C-alpha cells in the first residue's frame, strides 16, 4: 500500500512539474525584407509573478525560451536601430506558444550616438602614425561584424547586464567596414582580462571567445 501511495505521489509531482516549469515560447524574428535578425533580445515577462526570462535570437533569427511556468506572458523583441515589438502569449496545458516578430527600422537609425560608437578608423596598421606619449589603454573585444544591427544588438545586451560596451567602426582595406563590439576601456591589460573572464563566467553561451586589444 505504501509503495502504491509513494508511486502515485511521485507521478503526480512529475505531472505538476511538467505543467508548471516545462512550457516554452519560441519563434522567429525578421526585418521588413523578411531577412532574419540575429542578437535580438527577447524578454518574456510572466504577468502573474512579474518574473522575466531573456534570450537572444540565433544567426537564423530563431529563439526559444523553455522551462517557463504556465500563465500569461508579455513578450518583447528589442534590437538597437529597430522599433521594439510586443506581443502577448498564454501558456496553457499545451505548454507551447509560437510568436514570430517583424521589426521595423527606427526612424532615427541614421544618427549615431557618440557614446555608442567610435568614429570610423582606418586599419590598425595605420595607428602607428599617432604621435605623442599617450598612455596605452585596453579593451575587451567580443565580436566583429560586417553589419551594424548585429553589433548594436550585442552592445545593447551587454549594457543591459551592466557592462560599458561600445562599437568601434573600422575600415580595413580592401575588406571594407567592420563593427567591433568592445567593453572598456581599462587602464591595464590585467584589468581588461579580469572583466573578460567575468563576462565569460556569466555569459559563456553567448560569449565563448574574447580578445584583449589596445584602445588609445
N, C-alpha and C. Protein backbone atom coordinates (compact mmCIF):
# COMPACT_ATOMS: atom_id res chain seq x y z
N UNK A 1 0.84 -1.21 0.00
CA UNK A 1 0.00 0.00 0.00
C UNK A 1 0.87 1.25 0.00
N UNK A 2 1.90 1.24 0.85
CA UNK A 2 2.80 2.39 0.94
C UNK A 2 3.48 2.65 -0.40
N UNK A 3 3.90 1.57 -1.08
CA UNK A 3 4.57 1.73 -2.36
C UNK A 3 3.65 2.35 -3.40
N UNK A 4 2.36 1.94 -3.37
CA UNK A 4 1.41 2.49 -4.33
C UNK A 4 1.19 3.99 -4.10
N UNK A 5 1.06 4.37 -2.82
CA UNK A 5 0.87 5.78 -2.49
C UNK A 5 2.09 6.59 -2.91
N UNK A 6 3.28 6.06 -2.61
CA UNK A 6 4.52 6.76 -2.97
C UNK A 6 4.63 6.94 -4.48
N UNK A 7 4.27 5.89 -5.23
CA UNK A 7 4.34 5.97 -6.68
C UNK A 7 3.35 6.98 -7.21
N UNK A 8 2.14 7.02 -6.63
CA UNK A 8 1.13 7.97 -7.06
C UNK A 8 1.58 9.40 -6.80
N UNK A 9 2.17 9.65 -5.62
CA UNK A 9 2.68 10.98 -5.30
C UNK A 9 3.79 11.38 -6.26
N UNK A 10 4.67 10.43 -6.56
CA UNK A 10 5.78 10.70 -7.46
C UNK A 10 5.29 11.06 -8.85
N UNK A 11 4.33 10.29 -9.37
CA UNK A 11 3.79 10.56 -10.69
C UNK A 11 3.05 11.89 -10.72
N UNK A 12 2.28 12.18 -9.66
CA UNK A 12 1.55 13.44 -9.59
C UNK A 12 2.51 14.62 -9.54
N UNK A 13 3.58 14.48 -8.76
CA UNK A 13 4.57 15.55 -8.66
C UNK A 13 5.21 15.81 -10.01
N UNK A 14 5.51 14.73 -10.74
CA UNK A 14 6.10 14.89 -12.06
C UNK A 14 5.17 15.59 -13.01
N UNK A 15 3.86 15.27 -12.93
CA UNK A 15 2.89 15.92 -13.80
C UNK A 15 2.78 17.39 -13.48
N UNK A 16 2.73 17.74 -12.19
CA UNK A 16 2.64 19.14 -11.79
C UNK A 16 3.87 19.90 -12.24
N UNK A 17 5.07 19.28 -12.08
CA UNK A 17 6.30 19.95 -12.51
C UNK A 17 6.29 20.22 -14.00
N UNK A 18 5.81 19.23 -14.78
CA UNK A 18 5.77 19.40 -16.23
C UNK A 18 4.85 20.54 -16.60
N UNK A 19 3.73 20.70 -15.85
CA UNK A 19 2.79 21.76 -16.16
C UNK A 19 3.30 23.12 -15.71
N UNK A 20 4.06 23.13 -14.61
CA UNK A 20 4.46 24.40 -14.02
C UNK A 20 5.73 24.95 -14.64
N UNK A 21 6.70 24.09 -14.96
CA UNK A 21 8.02 24.61 -15.33
C UNK A 21 8.58 23.98 -16.59
N UNK A 22 7.75 23.56 -17.51
CA UNK A 22 8.28 22.95 -18.72
C UNK A 22 7.57 23.47 -19.97
N UNK A 23 7.03 24.68 -19.89
CA UNK A 23 6.39 25.28 -21.06
C UNK A 23 7.43 26.05 -21.87
N UNK A 24 7.05 26.46 -23.09
CA UNK A 24 8.04 27.03 -24.00
C UNK A 24 7.40 28.09 -24.89
N UNK A 25 8.16 29.15 -25.15
CA UNK A 25 7.79 30.15 -26.16
C UNK A 25 8.93 30.19 -27.17
N UNK A 26 8.60 30.08 -28.45
CA UNK A 26 9.62 30.08 -29.49
C UNK A 26 9.09 30.83 -30.70
N UNK A 27 9.99 31.08 -31.64
CA UNK A 27 9.57 31.77 -32.85
C UNK A 27 10.76 32.28 -33.65
N UNK A 28 10.48 33.23 -34.52
CA UNK A 28 11.48 33.77 -35.43
C UNK A 28 11.31 35.28 -35.51
N UNK A 29 12.43 36.00 -35.66
CA UNK A 29 12.40 37.46 -35.77
C UNK A 29 13.07 37.86 -37.09
N UNK A 30 12.43 38.74 -37.84
CA UNK A 30 12.95 39.14 -39.14
C UNK A 30 12.66 40.62 -39.39
N UNK A 31 13.32 41.19 -40.40
CA UNK A 31 13.10 42.60 -40.71
C UNK A 31 12.03 42.74 -41.78
N UNK A 32 11.84 43.97 -42.27
CA UNK A 32 10.77 44.25 -43.23
C UNK A 32 10.99 43.57 -44.58
N UNK A 33 12.22 43.16 -44.84
CA UNK A 33 12.52 42.44 -46.08
C UNK A 33 12.39 40.93 -45.92
N UNK A 34 12.09 40.50 -44.69
CA UNK A 34 11.97 39.08 -44.43
C UNK A 34 13.28 38.41 -44.06
N UNK A 35 14.34 39.20 -43.87
CA UNK A 35 15.65 38.65 -43.53
C UNK A 35 15.73 38.41 -42.02
N UNK A 36 16.34 37.31 -41.60
CA UNK A 36 16.44 37.01 -40.17
C UNK A 36 17.29 38.03 -39.44
N UNK A 37 16.94 38.31 -38.19
CA UNK A 37 17.68 39.25 -37.36
C UNK A 37 18.31 38.50 -36.18
N UNK A 38 19.64 38.39 -36.15
CA UNK A 38 20.31 37.76 -35.01
C UNK A 38 20.49 38.75 -33.87
N UNK A 39 20.77 38.23 -32.68
CA UNK A 39 21.08 39.03 -31.49
C UNK A 39 19.93 39.93 -31.04
N UNK A 40 18.71 39.60 -31.42
CA UNK A 40 17.55 40.34 -30.90
C UNK A 40 17.30 39.86 -29.47
N UNK A 41 17.14 40.79 -28.56
CA UNK A 41 16.86 40.42 -27.17
C UNK A 41 15.37 40.15 -27.01
N UNK A 42 15.05 38.92 -26.64
CA UNK A 42 13.67 38.51 -26.42
C UNK A 42 13.42 38.41 -24.92
N UNK A 43 12.48 39.19 -24.43
CA UNK A 43 12.18 39.22 -23.00
C UNK A 43 10.77 38.73 -22.75
N UNK A 44 10.64 37.68 -21.96
CA UNK A 44 9.35 37.11 -21.59
C UNK A 44 9.02 37.49 -20.15
N UNK A 45 7.94 38.24 -19.93
CA UNK A 45 7.55 38.64 -18.57
C UNK A 45 6.25 37.92 -18.19
N UNK A 46 6.32 37.16 -17.09
CA UNK A 46 5.13 36.49 -16.59
C UNK A 46 4.20 37.51 -15.95
N UNK A 47 2.97 37.60 -16.42
CA UNK A 47 2.04 38.63 -15.96
C UNK A 47 1.55 38.37 -14.54
N UNK A 48 1.66 37.14 -14.06
CA UNK A 48 1.20 36.82 -12.71
C UNK A 48 2.26 37.13 -11.65
N UNK A 49 3.52 36.83 -11.96
CA UNK A 49 4.59 36.97 -10.97
C UNK A 49 5.51 38.15 -11.24
N UNK A 50 5.53 38.65 -12.48
CA UNK A 50 6.45 39.72 -12.83
C UNK A 50 7.85 39.24 -13.16
N UNK A 51 8.11 37.96 -13.04
CA UNK A 51 9.43 37.42 -13.33
C UNK A 51 9.70 37.47 -14.84
N UNK A 52 10.96 37.69 -15.21
CA UNK A 52 11.31 37.79 -16.62
C UNK A 52 12.38 36.77 -17.00
N UNK A 53 12.35 36.37 -18.26
CA UNK A 53 13.37 35.50 -18.86
C UNK A 53 13.82 36.17 -20.15
N UNK A 54 15.12 36.12 -20.45
CA UNK A 54 15.64 36.75 -21.66
C UNK A 54 16.54 35.78 -22.43
N UNK A 55 16.41 35.81 -23.75
CA UNK A 55 17.28 35.04 -24.64
C UNK A 55 17.59 35.91 -25.85
N UNK A 56 18.60 35.52 -26.63
CA UNK A 56 18.94 36.21 -27.87
C UNK A 56 18.61 35.31 -29.06
N UNK A 57 18.23 35.94 -30.16
CA UNK A 57 17.96 35.16 -31.37
C UNK A 57 19.27 34.66 -31.97
N UNK A 58 19.18 33.56 -32.70
CA UNK A 58 20.34 32.93 -33.33
C UNK A 58 20.67 33.62 -34.65
N UNK A 59 21.68 33.10 -35.35
CA UNK A 59 22.04 33.63 -36.66
C UNK A 59 20.87 33.54 -37.63
N UNK A 60 19.99 32.56 -37.44
CA UNK A 60 18.82 32.40 -38.31
C UNK A 60 17.62 33.19 -37.82
N UNK A 61 17.82 34.02 -36.78
CA UNK A 61 16.72 34.81 -36.24
C UNK A 61 15.76 34.03 -35.37
N UNK A 62 16.14 32.82 -34.96
CA UNK A 62 15.25 31.99 -34.15
C UNK A 62 15.55 32.14 -32.67
N UNK A 63 14.53 31.94 -31.85
CA UNK A 63 14.71 31.98 -30.39
C UNK A 63 13.83 30.91 -29.75
N UNK A 64 14.20 30.55 -28.52
CA UNK A 64 13.39 29.60 -27.76
C UNK A 64 13.66 29.82 -26.28
N UNK A 65 12.60 30.04 -25.53
CA UNK A 65 12.69 30.15 -24.07
C UNK A 65 11.91 28.97 -23.50
N UNK A 66 12.61 28.10 -22.79
CA UNK A 66 11.98 26.88 -22.28
C UNK A 66 11.90 26.89 -20.76
N UNK A 67 11.25 25.88 -20.21
CA UNK A 67 11.07 25.71 -18.76
C UNK A 67 10.39 26.92 -18.14
N UNK A 68 9.34 27.38 -18.78
CA UNK A 68 8.57 28.53 -18.29
C UNK A 68 7.33 28.04 -17.54
N UNK A 69 6.96 28.71 -16.46
CA UNK A 69 5.69 28.38 -15.79
C UNK A 69 4.50 28.71 -16.68
N UNK A 70 3.41 28.02 -16.48
CA UNK A 70 2.19 28.32 -17.22
C UNK A 70 1.65 29.69 -16.82
N UNK A 71 0.88 30.30 -17.73
CA UNK A 71 0.30 31.59 -17.43
C UNK A 71 0.40 32.54 -18.61
N UNK A 72 0.04 33.79 -18.37
CA UNK A 72 0.11 34.81 -19.41
C UNK A 72 1.47 35.48 -19.46
N UNK A 73 1.91 35.87 -20.66
CA UNK A 73 3.22 36.48 -20.85
C UNK A 73 3.13 37.70 -21.76
N UNK A 74 3.99 38.66 -21.46
CA UNK A 74 4.24 39.80 -22.34
C UNK A 74 5.61 39.56 -22.96
N UNK A 75 5.66 39.42 -24.28
CA UNK A 75 6.90 39.07 -24.97
C UNK A 75 7.37 40.28 -25.78
N UNK A 76 8.60 40.70 -25.53
CA UNK A 76 9.15 41.90 -26.15
C UNK A 76 10.39 41.55 -26.97
N UNK A 77 10.44 42.06 -28.19
CA UNK A 77 11.60 41.87 -29.07
C UNK A 77 12.28 43.23 -29.26
N UNK A 78 13.54 43.35 -28.87
CA UNK A 78 14.22 44.64 -28.95
C UNK A 78 15.61 44.49 -29.55
N UNK A 79 15.94 45.41 -30.43
CA UNK A 79 17.25 45.46 -31.08
C UNK A 79 17.54 46.90 -31.43
N UNK A 80 18.75 47.36 -31.09
CA UNK A 80 19.13 48.73 -31.40
C UNK A 80 18.94 49.01 -32.88
N UNK A 81 18.47 50.21 -33.21
CA UNK A 81 18.20 50.67 -34.57
C UNK A 81 16.88 50.16 -35.12
N UNK A 82 16.11 49.41 -34.29
CA UNK A 82 14.80 48.93 -34.70
C UNK A 82 13.77 49.30 -33.63
N UNK A 83 12.52 49.47 -34.06
CA UNK A 83 11.44 49.70 -33.11
C UNK A 83 11.16 48.42 -32.33
N UNK A 84 10.92 48.56 -31.03
CA UNK A 84 10.60 47.41 -30.20
C UNK A 84 9.20 46.89 -30.54
N UNK A 85 9.06 45.57 -30.59
CA UNK A 85 7.77 44.95 -30.87
C UNK A 85 7.34 44.13 -29.66
N UNK A 86 6.03 44.13 -29.39
CA UNK A 86 5.49 43.44 -28.21
C UNK A 86 4.29 42.60 -28.63
N UNK A 87 4.23 41.39 -28.11
CA UNK A 87 3.07 40.52 -28.30
C UNK A 87 2.72 39.85 -26.98
N UNK A 88 1.55 39.24 -26.94
CA UNK A 88 1.10 38.51 -25.75
C UNK A 88 1.03 37.02 -26.06
N UNK A 89 1.25 36.22 -25.03
CA UNK A 89 1.15 34.77 -25.17
C UNK A 89 0.52 34.19 -23.92
N UNK A 90 -0.17 33.08 -24.08
CA UNK A 90 -0.76 32.38 -22.95
C UNK A 90 -0.33 30.93 -23.01
N UNK A 91 0.39 30.49 -21.98
CA UNK A 91 0.85 29.11 -21.91
C UNK A 91 -0.14 28.31 -21.07
N UNK A 92 -0.83 27.37 -21.73
CA UNK A 92 -1.79 26.54 -21.02
C UNK A 92 -1.29 25.10 -21.00
N UNK A 93 -2.20 24.18 -20.90
CA UNK A 93 -1.82 22.78 -20.76
C UNK A 93 -1.05 22.26 -21.96
N UNK A 94 -1.16 22.96 -23.12
CA UNK A 94 -0.39 22.54 -24.30
C UNK A 94 1.09 22.84 -24.14
N UNK A 95 1.42 23.76 -23.23
CA UNK A 95 2.80 24.02 -22.84
C UNK A 95 3.67 24.64 -23.92
N UNK A 96 3.10 25.18 -24.99
CA UNK A 96 3.94 25.75 -26.04
C UNK A 96 3.20 26.86 -26.77
N UNK A 97 3.93 27.94 -27.08
CA UNK A 97 3.37 29.03 -27.87
C UNK A 97 4.43 29.47 -28.87
N UNK A 98 4.00 29.81 -30.08
CA UNK A 98 4.93 30.30 -31.10
C UNK A 98 4.55 31.73 -31.46
N UNK A 99 5.55 32.62 -31.38
CA UNK A 99 5.35 34.02 -31.72
C UNK A 99 6.46 34.45 -32.66
N UNK A 100 6.09 34.90 -33.86
CA UNK A 100 7.04 35.46 -34.81
C UNK A 100 6.93 36.98 -34.78
N UNK A 101 8.06 37.67 -34.97
CA UNK A 101 8.09 39.13 -34.91
C UNK A 101 8.72 39.70 -36.18
N UNK A 102 8.14 40.78 -36.68
CA UNK A 102 8.78 41.57 -37.72
C UNK A 102 9.16 42.92 -37.12
N UNK A 103 10.44 43.26 -37.15
CA UNK A 103 10.91 44.53 -36.59
C UNK A 103 11.10 45.55 -37.71
N UNK A 104 10.62 46.75 -37.46
CA UNK A 104 10.78 47.85 -38.42
C UNK A 104 11.95 48.73 -38.01
N UNK A 105 12.71 49.18 -39.00
CA UNK A 105 13.85 50.06 -38.72
C UNK A 105 13.34 51.34 -38.07
N UNK A 106 14.03 51.78 -37.01
CA UNK A 106 13.64 53.00 -36.32
C UNK A 106 13.86 54.21 -37.22
N UNK A 107 13.08 55.25 -36.98
CA UNK A 107 13.13 56.43 -37.84
C UNK A 107 14.46 57.15 -37.78
N UNK A 108 15.19 57.04 -36.65
CA UNK A 108 16.44 57.79 -36.47
C UNK A 108 17.66 56.91 -36.59
N UNK A 109 17.57 55.84 -37.39
CA UNK A 109 18.71 54.92 -37.49
C UNK A 109 19.92 55.54 -38.14
N UNK A 110 19.74 56.68 -38.82
CA UNK A 110 20.89 57.30 -39.48
C UNK A 110 21.77 58.06 -38.50
N UNK A 111 21.28 58.27 -37.26
CA UNK A 111 22.05 59.01 -36.27
C UNK A 111 22.88 58.04 -35.44
N UNK A 112 24.11 58.42 -35.18
CA UNK A 112 24.99 57.59 -34.37
C UNK A 112 25.36 58.34 -33.10
N UNK A 113 25.08 57.72 -31.96
CA UNK A 113 25.40 58.34 -30.69
C UNK A 113 26.88 58.19 -30.39
N UNK A 114 27.57 59.27 -30.01
CA UNK A 114 29.00 59.17 -29.72
C UNK A 114 29.30 58.28 -28.53
N UNK A 115 28.30 58.02 -27.66
CA UNK A 115 28.55 57.14 -26.52
C UNK A 115 28.45 55.68 -26.92
N UNK A 116 27.89 55.40 -28.10
CA UNK A 116 27.75 54.03 -28.56
C UNK A 116 28.77 53.67 -29.62
N UNK A 117 29.23 54.67 -30.37
CA UNK A 117 30.10 54.42 -31.50
C UNK A 117 31.38 55.23 -31.40
N UNK A 118 32.45 54.64 -31.87
CA UNK A 118 33.68 55.37 -32.12
C UNK A 118 33.71 55.71 -33.60
N UNK A 119 34.32 56.82 -33.95
CA UNK A 119 34.36 57.23 -35.34
C UNK A 119 35.06 56.22 -36.23
N UNK A 120 34.77 56.29 -37.52
CA UNK A 120 35.37 55.35 -38.46
C UNK A 120 36.88 55.51 -38.44
N UNK A 121 37.56 54.38 -38.26
CA UNK A 121 39.01 54.37 -38.19
C UNK A 121 39.57 53.59 -39.38
N UNK A 122 40.80 53.89 -39.72
CA UNK A 122 41.48 53.11 -40.74
C UNK A 122 42.02 51.84 -40.10
N UNK A 123 42.61 51.00 -40.90
CA UNK A 123 43.17 49.75 -40.41
C UNK A 123 44.13 50.01 -39.26
N UNK A 124 44.17 49.12 -38.25
CA UNK A 124 45.07 49.31 -37.11
C UNK A 124 46.52 49.51 -37.51
N UNK A 125 46.91 49.05 -38.70
CA UNK A 125 48.29 49.23 -39.13
C UNK A 125 48.63 50.69 -39.33
N UNK A 126 47.60 51.53 -39.50
CA UNK A 126 47.85 52.95 -39.69
C UNK A 126 47.90 53.72 -38.37
N UNK A 127 47.61 53.03 -37.26
CA UNK A 127 47.60 53.72 -35.98
C UNK A 127 49.00 54.16 -35.56
N UNK A 128 50.03 53.59 -36.16
CA UNK A 128 51.39 53.96 -35.79
C UNK A 128 51.69 55.40 -36.13
N UNK A 129 50.83 56.03 -36.93
CA UNK A 129 51.05 57.43 -37.30
C UNK A 129 50.76 58.37 -36.14
N UNK A 130 50.11 57.85 -35.08
CA UNK A 130 49.82 58.70 -33.94
C UNK A 130 51.11 59.15 -33.27
N UNK A 131 51.13 60.38 -32.82
CA UNK A 131 52.32 60.91 -32.18
C UNK A 131 52.02 61.21 -30.72
N UNK A 132 53.08 61.55 -29.97
CA UNK A 132 52.90 61.88 -28.57
C UNK A 132 53.11 60.66 -27.70
N UNK A 133 52.98 60.87 -26.39
CA UNK A 133 53.23 59.81 -25.43
C UNK A 133 51.94 59.45 -24.70
N UNK A 134 50.86 59.32 -25.47
CA UNK A 134 49.57 58.97 -24.89
C UNK A 134 49.64 57.58 -24.25
N UNK A 135 49.14 57.46 -23.03
CA UNK A 135 49.19 56.19 -22.32
C UNK A 135 48.31 55.16 -23.01
N UNK A 136 48.82 53.94 -23.12
CA UNK A 136 48.05 52.88 -23.76
C UNK A 136 46.97 52.38 -22.82
N UNK A 137 45.77 52.19 -23.37
CA UNK A 137 44.67 51.61 -22.62
C UNK A 137 44.19 50.37 -23.37
N UNK A 138 43.32 49.60 -22.71
CA UNK A 138 42.94 48.31 -23.27
C UNK A 138 41.43 48.13 -23.24
N UNK A 139 40.95 47.27 -24.13
CA UNK A 139 39.53 46.93 -24.19
C UNK A 139 39.39 45.44 -24.46
N UNK A 140 38.21 44.93 -24.15
CA UNK A 140 37.89 43.53 -24.44
C UNK A 140 37.04 43.50 -25.70
N UNK A 141 37.56 42.89 -26.75
CA UNK A 141 36.79 42.76 -27.99
C UNK A 141 36.10 41.41 -28.00
N UNK A 142 34.78 41.44 -28.24
CA UNK A 142 33.97 40.22 -28.16
C UNK A 142 33.51 39.71 -29.50
N UNK A 143 33.40 40.61 -30.47
CA UNK A 143 32.91 40.18 -31.79
C UNK A 143 33.24 41.25 -32.81
N UNK A 144 33.27 40.84 -34.07
CA UNK A 144 33.47 41.77 -35.18
C UNK A 144 32.48 41.39 -36.28
N UNK A 145 31.59 42.33 -36.61
CA UNK A 145 30.51 42.06 -37.56
C UNK A 145 30.65 42.94 -38.80
N UNK A 146 30.05 42.47 -39.89
CA UNK A 146 30.02 43.26 -41.11
C UNK A 146 28.78 44.14 -41.19
N UNK A 147 27.79 43.88 -40.33
CA UNK A 147 26.55 44.65 -40.36
C UNK A 147 26.32 45.33 -39.01
N UNK A 148 25.79 46.53 -39.05
CA UNK A 148 25.59 47.33 -37.85
C UNK A 148 24.54 46.75 -36.90
N UNK A 149 23.36 46.27 -37.38
CA UNK A 149 22.35 45.78 -36.44
C UNK A 149 22.85 44.66 -35.54
N UNK A 150 23.68 43.77 -36.06
CA UNK A 150 24.19 42.68 -35.23
C UNK A 150 25.08 43.22 -34.11
N UNK A 151 25.94 44.19 -34.45
CA UNK A 151 26.79 44.79 -33.42
C UNK A 151 25.96 45.55 -32.40
N UNK A 152 24.96 46.28 -32.87
CA UNK A 152 24.08 47.04 -31.96
C UNK A 152 23.37 46.11 -30.98
N UNK A 153 22.92 44.96 -31.47
CA UNK A 153 22.20 44.04 -30.61
C UNK A 153 23.07 43.50 -29.49
N UNK A 154 24.30 43.12 -29.82
CA UNK A 154 25.20 42.60 -28.78
C UNK A 154 25.59 43.71 -27.81
N UNK A 155 25.87 44.91 -28.32
CA UNK A 155 26.21 46.03 -27.43
C UNK A 155 25.07 46.31 -26.45
N UNK A 156 23.83 46.34 -26.95
CA UNK A 156 22.69 46.63 -26.09
C UNK A 156 22.53 45.57 -25.01
N UNK A 157 22.75 44.30 -25.37
CA UNK A 157 22.64 43.22 -24.39
C UNK A 157 23.69 43.39 -23.29
N UNK A 158 24.92 43.74 -23.67
CA UNK A 158 25.98 43.92 -22.68
C UNK A 158 25.69 45.10 -21.76
N UNK A 159 25.17 46.18 -22.31
CA UNK A 159 24.81 47.35 -21.49
C UNK A 159 23.71 46.98 -20.51
N UNK A 160 22.75 46.18 -20.96
CA UNK A 160 21.63 45.78 -20.11
C UNK A 160 22.10 45.01 -18.88
N UNK A 161 23.18 44.25 -19.02
CA UNK A 161 23.65 43.46 -17.88
C UNK A 161 24.78 44.15 -17.12
N UNK A 162 25.04 45.44 -17.45
CA UNK A 162 25.92 46.24 -16.60
C UNK A 162 27.31 46.53 -17.10
N UNK A 163 27.63 46.20 -18.37
CA UNK A 163 28.97 46.45 -18.87
C UNK A 163 29.01 47.73 -19.73
N UNK A 164 30.15 48.40 -19.73
CA UNK A 164 30.34 49.60 -20.55
C UNK A 164 30.78 49.17 -21.94
N UNK A 165 29.82 48.97 -22.81
CA UNK A 165 30.10 48.44 -24.14
C UNK A 165 29.94 49.53 -25.20
N UNK A 166 30.69 49.39 -26.27
CA UNK A 166 30.59 50.31 -27.39
C UNK A 166 30.94 49.58 -28.67
N UNK A 167 30.72 50.24 -29.79
CA UNK A 167 31.04 49.66 -31.09
C UNK A 167 32.13 50.50 -31.75
N UNK A 168 33.21 49.86 -32.10
CA UNK A 168 34.30 50.51 -32.83
C UNK A 168 34.08 50.28 -34.32
N UNK A 169 33.91 51.36 -35.07
CA UNK A 169 33.68 51.25 -36.51
C UNK A 169 35.01 51.44 -37.22
N UNK A 170 35.42 50.44 -37.98
CA UNK A 170 36.74 50.47 -38.61
C UNK A 170 36.65 50.12 -40.09
N UNK A 171 37.44 50.83 -40.89
CA UNK A 171 37.61 50.48 -42.29
C UNK A 171 38.91 49.71 -42.44
N UNK A 172 38.83 48.51 -42.99
CA UNK A 172 40.00 47.67 -43.17
C UNK A 172 40.14 47.35 -44.65
N UNK A 173 40.89 48.16 -45.39
CA UNK A 173 41.06 47.90 -46.83
C UNK A 173 41.75 46.56 -47.05
N UNK A 174 41.38 45.79 -48.07
CA UNK A 174 40.30 46.08 -49.01
C UNK A 174 38.97 45.45 -48.59
N UNK A 175 38.90 44.90 -47.37
CA UNK A 175 37.70 44.16 -46.96
C UNK A 175 36.49 45.05 -46.78
N UNK A 176 36.70 46.27 -46.25
CA UNK A 176 35.58 47.18 -46.04
C UNK A 176 35.38 47.50 -44.57
N UNK A 177 34.16 47.83 -44.21
CA UNK A 177 33.84 48.31 -42.87
C UNK A 177 33.47 47.16 -41.94
N UNK A 178 33.99 47.25 -40.70
CA UNK A 178 33.69 46.28 -39.66
C UNK A 178 33.15 47.00 -38.43
N UNK A 179 32.25 46.33 -37.72
CA UNK A 179 31.67 46.86 -36.48
C UNK A 179 32.13 45.94 -35.34
N UNK A 180 33.05 46.45 -34.53
CA UNK A 180 33.68 45.64 -33.49
C UNK A 180 33.08 45.98 -32.13
N UNK A 181 32.54 44.97 -31.47
CA UNK A 181 31.89 45.16 -30.17
C UNK A 181 32.93 45.00 -29.07
N UNK A 182 33.07 46.06 -28.26
CA UNK A 182 34.10 46.07 -27.22
C UNK A 182 33.53 46.53 -25.89
N UNK A 183 34.22 46.16 -24.82
CA UNK A 183 33.91 46.62 -23.46
C UNK A 183 35.16 47.27 -22.90
N UNK A 184 35.00 48.44 -22.30
CA UNK A 184 36.15 49.16 -21.75
C UNK A 184 35.97 50.66 -21.90
N UNK A 185 37.09 51.41 -21.90
CA UNK A 185 38.47 50.94 -21.82
C UNK A 185 38.93 50.73 -20.38
N UNK A 186 40.11 50.07 -20.26
CA UNK A 186 40.71 49.77 -18.97
C UNK A 186 42.15 50.27 -18.96
N UNK A 187 42.64 50.58 -17.77
CA UNK A 187 43.99 51.14 -17.65
C UNK A 187 45.08 50.10 -17.86
N UNK A 188 44.79 48.84 -17.53
CA UNK A 188 45.81 47.79 -17.66
C UNK A 188 45.24 46.59 -18.40
N UNK A 189 46.12 45.82 -18.99
CA UNK A 189 45.71 44.60 -19.68
C UNK A 189 45.11 43.59 -18.70
N UNK A 190 45.68 43.52 -17.49
CA UNK A 190 45.19 42.58 -16.49
C UNK A 190 43.76 42.92 -16.05
N UNK A 191 43.48 44.21 -15.91
CA UNK A 191 42.12 44.63 -15.55
C UNK A 191 41.13 44.22 -16.64
N UNK A 192 41.53 44.41 -17.90
CA UNK A 192 40.66 44.01 -19.01
C UNK A 192 40.43 42.51 -19.01
N UNK A 193 41.48 41.75 -18.72
CA UNK A 193 41.36 40.29 -18.70
C UNK A 193 40.42 39.83 -17.59
N UNK A 194 40.47 40.47 -16.42
CA UNK A 194 39.59 40.09 -15.32
C UNK A 194 38.13 40.31 -15.69
N UNK A 195 37.85 41.44 -16.33
CA UNK A 195 36.47 41.72 -16.76
C UNK A 195 36.03 40.72 -17.82
N UNK A 196 36.94 40.36 -18.73
CA UNK A 196 36.61 39.39 -19.78
C UNK A 196 36.26 38.04 -19.18
N UNK A 197 37.02 37.60 -18.19
CA UNK A 197 36.74 36.32 -17.54
C UNK A 197 35.42 36.38 -16.78
N UNK A 198 35.12 37.53 -16.19
CA UNK A 198 33.84 37.71 -15.50
C UNK A 198 32.68 37.59 -16.48
N UNK A 199 32.83 38.21 -17.65
CA UNK A 199 31.78 38.13 -18.67
C UNK A 199 31.61 36.70 -19.15
N UNK A 200 32.72 35.99 -19.33
CA UNK A 200 32.62 34.60 -19.77
C UNK A 200 31.90 33.73 -18.76
N UNK A 201 32.16 33.96 -17.47
CA UNK A 201 31.52 33.14 -16.45
C UNK A 201 30.02 33.39 -16.40
N UNK A 202 29.59 34.61 -16.74
CA UNK A 202 28.16 34.95 -16.70
C UNK A 202 27.45 34.65 -18.01
N UNK A 203 28.16 34.80 -19.13
CA UNK A 203 27.51 34.75 -20.44
C UNK A 203 28.23 33.82 -21.39
N UNK A 204 28.73 32.69 -20.89
CA UNK A 204 29.61 31.86 -21.72
C UNK A 204 28.93 31.39 -23.00
N UNK A 205 27.64 31.03 -22.92
CA UNK A 205 26.95 30.53 -24.12
C UNK A 205 26.90 31.58 -25.22
N UNK A 206 26.89 32.86 -24.83
CA UNK A 206 26.80 33.93 -25.81
C UNK A 206 28.16 34.48 -26.19
N UNK A 207 29.14 34.38 -25.27
CA UNK A 207 30.45 34.99 -25.49
C UNK A 207 31.55 33.97 -25.23
N UNK A 208 31.71 32.98 -26.11
CA UNK A 208 32.71 31.95 -25.86
C UNK A 208 34.15 32.43 -26.02
N UNK A 209 34.38 33.52 -26.78
CA UNK A 209 35.74 33.99 -27.05
C UNK A 209 35.85 35.48 -26.77
N UNK A 210 37.09 35.92 -26.53
CA UNK A 210 37.35 37.35 -26.38
C UNK A 210 38.80 37.63 -26.74
N UNK A 211 39.08 38.91 -27.01
CA UNK A 211 40.44 39.36 -27.32
C UNK A 211 40.71 40.63 -26.53
N UNK A 212 41.91 40.74 -25.97
CA UNK A 212 42.34 41.97 -25.32
C UNK A 212 43.05 42.81 -26.37
N UNK A 213 42.53 44.01 -26.63
CA UNK A 213 43.07 44.85 -27.69
C UNK A 213 43.46 46.21 -27.13
N UNK A 214 44.30 46.90 -27.87
CA UNK A 214 44.70 48.25 -27.48
C UNK A 214 43.57 49.22 -27.76
N UNK A 215 43.36 50.17 -26.84
CA UNK A 215 42.31 51.17 -27.01
C UNK A 215 42.89 52.51 -26.55
N UNK A 216 43.41 53.27 -27.48
CA UNK A 216 44.02 54.55 -27.14
C UNK A 216 42.99 55.65 -27.10
